[in-house]
Amino acid sequence: MRDDRERIQDILDAISHIEKYASKGRKAFDHDELVQIWMIYHLEIIGEAVRSISEGFRKANQQIPWKLIAGMRNILVHEYFAIDHDEVWATIEKDIPALKHQLDNIL
């Protein structure tokens, strides 16, 4: 079983994968289905890793919106025909850099 630090590293790895294509901008996201799928897949990985982080770790790091991250994962996985691409892009553009910074500080 993976420990909390390994899960955090999984999240940071997924963020790196997202950043690789986010640098191409919104136009690439909007017009390239593979880029959309790539980014959504890695957001799902982030959400899945968050769900596996221990309650104690989450309580010790309450500045991170653990429930919101897991909730987005649920939407991406279970409501895939209703995914709001504007919301996904806003998450990639605003929330992912902030999450990366927070997790880097924890590690």
C-alpha atoms as a PDB file:
ATOM      1  CA  MET A   1       0.000   0.000   0.000  1.00  0.00           C
ATOM      2  CA  ARG A   2       1.259   3.476  -0.906  1.00  0.00           C
ATOM      3  CA  ASP A   3       1.817   5.968   1.897  1.00  0.00           C
ATOM      4  CA  ASP A   4       0.772   9.623   1.984  1.00  0.00           C
ATOM      5  CA  ARG A   5       4.093  10.927   0.660  1.00  0.00           C
ATOM      6  CA  GLU A   6       3.878   8.587  -2.324  1.00  0.00           C
ATOM      7  CA  ARG A   7       0.320   9.771  -2.996  1.00  0.00           C
ATOM      8  CA  ILE A   8       1.492  13.387  -2.842  1.00  0.00           C
ATOM      9  CA  GLN A   9       4.237  12.525  -5.310  1.00  0.00           C
ATOM     10  CA  ASP A  10       1.603  10.894  -7.569  1.00  0.00           C
ATOM     11  CA  ILE A  11      -0.303  14.192  -7.495  1.00  0.00           C
ATOM     12  CA  LEU A  12       2.811  16.203  -8.301  1.00  0.00           C
ATOM     13  CA  ASP A  13       3.637  13.834 -11.176  1.00  0.00           C
ATOM     14  CA  ALA A  14       0.109  14.248 -12.572  1.00  0.00           C
ATOM     15  CA  ILE A  15       0.472  18.031 -12.263  1.00  0.00           C
ATOM     16  CA  SER A  16       3.704  17.846 -14.282  1.00  0.00           C
ATOM     17  CA  HIS A  17       1.877  15.919 -16.990  1.00  0.00           C
ATOM     18  CA  ILE A  18      -0.891  18.527 -17.054  1.00  0.00           C
ATOM     19  CA  GLU A  19       1.601  21.396 -17.210  1.00  0.00           C
ATOM     20  CA  LYS A  20       3.257  19.819 -20.232  1.00  0.00           C
ATOM     21  CA  TYR A  21       0.182  20.544 -22.356  1.00  0.00           C
ATOM     22  CA  ALA A  22      -1.317  23.456 -20.417  1.00  0.00           C
ATOM     23  CA  SER A  23       1.613  25.505 -21.665  1.00  0.00           C
ATOM     24  CA  LYS A  24       0.132  25.200 -25.163  1.00  0.00           C
ATOM     25  CA  GLY A  25      -2.835  27.270 -23.981  1.00  0.00           C
ATOM     26  CA  ARG A  26      -6.587  27.171 -24.035  1.00  0.00           C
ATOM     27  CA  LYS A  27      -6.806  26.964 -27.812  1.00  0.00           C
ATOM     28  CA  ALA A  28      -4.934  23.640 -27.839  1.00  0.00           C
ATOM     29  CA  PHE A  29      -7.194  22.384 -25.052  1.00  0.00           C
ATOM     30  CA  ASP A  30     -10.348  23.415 -26.926  1.00  0.00           C
ATOM     31  CA  HIS A  31      -9.325  22.051 -30.315  1.00  0.00           C
ATOM     32  CA  ASP A  32      -7.411  18.886 -29.519  1.00  0.00           C
ATOM     33  CA  GLU A  33      -9.463  16.048 -28.084  1.00  0.00           C
ATOM     34  CA  LEU A  34      -6.326  14.165 -27.062  1.00  0.00           C
ATOM     35  CA  VAL A  35      -5.104  17.142 -25.029  1.00  0.00           C
ATOM     36  CA  GLN A  36      -8.512  17.336 -23.312  1.00  0.00           C
ATOM     37  CA  ILE A  37      -8.472  13.633 -22.503  1.00  0.00           C
ATOM     38  CA  TRP A  38      -4.855  13.824 -21.289  1.00  0.00           C
ATOM     39  CA  MET A  39      -5.597  16.665 -18.892  1.00  0.00           C
ATOM     40  CA  ILE A  40      -8.864  15.216 -17.626  1.00  0.00           C
ATOM     41  CA  TYR A  41      -7.197  11.840 -17.062  1.00  0.00           C
ATOM     42  CA  HIS A  42      -4.484  13.432 -14.932  1.00  0.00           C
ATOM     43  CA  LEU A  43      -7.067  15.435 -12.982  1.00  0.00           C
ATOM     44  CA  GLU A  44      -8.753  12.102 -12.275  1.00  0.00           C
ATOM     45  CA  ILE A  45      -5.433  10.699 -11.014  1.00  0.00           C
ATOM     46  CA  ILE A  46      -5.075  13.690  -8.701  1.00  0.00           C
ATOM     47  CA  GLY A  47      -8.567  13.098  -7.345  1.00  0.00           C
ATOM     48  CA  GLU A  48      -7.974   9.395  -6.893  1.00  0.00           C
ATOM     49  CA  ALA A  49      -4.710  10.018  -5.036  1.00  0.00           C
ATOM     50  CA  VAL A  50      -6.445  12.552  -2.793  1.00  0.00           C
ATOM     51  CA  ARG A  51      -9.111  10.005  -1.891  1.00  0.00           C
ATOM     52  CA  SER A  52      -6.380   7.629  -0.707  1.00  0.00           C
ATOM     53  CA  ILE A  53      -4.544  10.108   1.507  1.00  0.00           C
ATOM     54  CA  SER A  54      -5.042   9.407   5.200  1.00  0.00           C
ATOM     55  CA  GLU A  55      -7.539  11.390   7.230  1.00  0.00           C
ATOM     56  CA  GLY A  56      -4.750  12.440   9.593  1.00  0.00           C
ATOM     57  CA  PHE A  57      -2.690  13.898   6.762  1.00  0.00           C
ATOM     58  CA  ARG A  58      -5.704  15.754   5.408  1.00  0.00           C
ATOM     59  CA  LYS A  59      -6.528  17.180   8.842  1.00  0.00           C
ATOM     60  CA  ALA A  60      -2.914  18.283   9.292  1.00  0.00           C
ATOM     61  CA  ASN A  61      -3.064  20.091   5.928  1.00  0.00           C
ATOM     62  CA  GLN A  62      -6.497  21.673   5.897  1.00  0.00           C
ATOM     63  CA  GLN A  63      -5.362  24.507   3.637  1.00  0.00           C
ATOM     64  CA  ILE A  64      -5.794  22.107   0.715  1.00  0.00           C
ATOM     65  CA  PRO A  65      -9.398  21.650  -0.488  1.00  0.00           C
ATOM     66  CA  TRP A  66      -9.302  17.832  -0.340  1.00  0.00           C
ATOM     67  CA  LYS A  67     -13.093  17.382  -0.648  1.00  0.00           C
ATOM     68  CA  LEU A  68     -13.352  19.690  -3.653  1.00  0.00           C
ATOM     69  CA  ILE A  69     -10.539  17.847  -5.421  1.00  0.00           C
ATOM     70  CA  ALA A  70     -12.143  14.462  -4.766  1.00  0.00           C
ATOM     71  CA  GLY A  71     -15.511  15.892  -5.814  1.00  0.00           C
ATOM     72  CA  MET A  72     -14.130  17.042  -9.141  1.00  0.00           C
ATOM     73  CA  ARG A  73     -12.723  13.556  -9.696  1.00  0.00           C
ATOM     74  CA  ASN A  74     -16.206  12.127  -9.123  1.00  0.00           C
ATOM     75  CA  ILE A  75     -17.712  14.472 -11.683  1.00  0.00           C
ATOM     76  CA  LEU A  76     -15.007  13.708 -14.259  1.00  0.00           C
ATOM     77  CA  VAL A  77     -15.407   9.953 -13.789  1.00  0.00           C
ATOM     78  CA  HIS A  78     -19.171   9.636 -13.351  1.00  0.00           C
ATOM     79  CA  GLU A  79     -20.618  12.640 -15.186  1.00  0.00           C
ATOM     80  CA  TYR A  80     -18.318  12.468 -18.208  1.00  0.00           C
ATOM     81  CA  PHE A  81     -21.000  13.595 -20.682  1.00  0.00           C
ATOM     82  CA  ALA A  82     -21.612  16.735 -18.648  1.00  0.00           C
ATOM     83  CA  ILE A  83     -18.015  17.873 -18.155  1.00  0.00           C
ATOM     84  CA  ASP A  84     -17.757  21.647 -18.227  1.00  0.00           C
ATOM     85  CA  HIS A  85     -14.591  22.375 -20.197  1.00  0.00           C
ATOM     86  CA  ASP A  86     -14.525  25.974 -18.960  1.00  0.00           C
ATOM     87  CA  GLU A  87     -14.431  24.672 -15.395  1.00  0.00           C
ATOM     88  CA  VAL A  88     -11.721  22.139 -16.254  1.00  0.00           C
ATOM     89  CA  TRP A  89      -9.591  24.825 -17.876  1.00  0.00           C
ATOM     90  CA  ALA A  90     -10.115  27.201 -14.925  1.00  0.00           C
ATOM     91  CA  THR A  91      -8.943  24.420 -12.623  1.00  0.00           C
ATOM     92  CA  ILE A  92      -5.875  23.821 -14.773  1.00  0.00           C
ATOM     93  CA  GLU A  93      -5.065  27.499 -15.015  1.00  0.00           C
ATOM     94  CA  LYS A  94      -5.745  28.619 -11.416  1.00  0.00           C
ATOM     95  CA  ASP A  95      -6.064  25.701  -9.040  1.00  0.00           C
ATOM     96  CA  ILE A  96      -3.342  23.356 -10.288  1.00  0.00           C
ATOM     97  CA  PRO A  97      -0.492  25.876  -9.828  1.00  0.00           C
ATOM     98  CA  ALA A  98      -1.737  26.695  -6.317  1.00  0.00           C
ATOM     99  CA  LEU A  99      -2.020  23.000  -5.426  1.00  0.00           C
ATOM    100  CA  LYS A 100       1.477  22.344  -6.727  1.00  0.00           C
ATOM    101  CA  HIS A 101       2.869  25.147  -4.601  1.00  0.00           C
ATOM    102  CA  GLN A 102       1.070  23.892  -1.481  1.00  0.00           C
ATOM    103  CA  LEU A 103       2.239  20.319  -1.988  1.00  0.00           C
ATOM    104  CA  ASP A 104       5.810  21.367  -2.702  1.00  0.00           C
ATOM    105  CA  ASN A 105       5.779  23.216   0.628  1.00  0.00           C
ATOM    106  CA  ILE A 106       4.479  20.131   2.432  1.00  0.00           C
ATOM    107  CA  LEU A 107       7.168  17.900   0.973  1.00  0.00           C
END
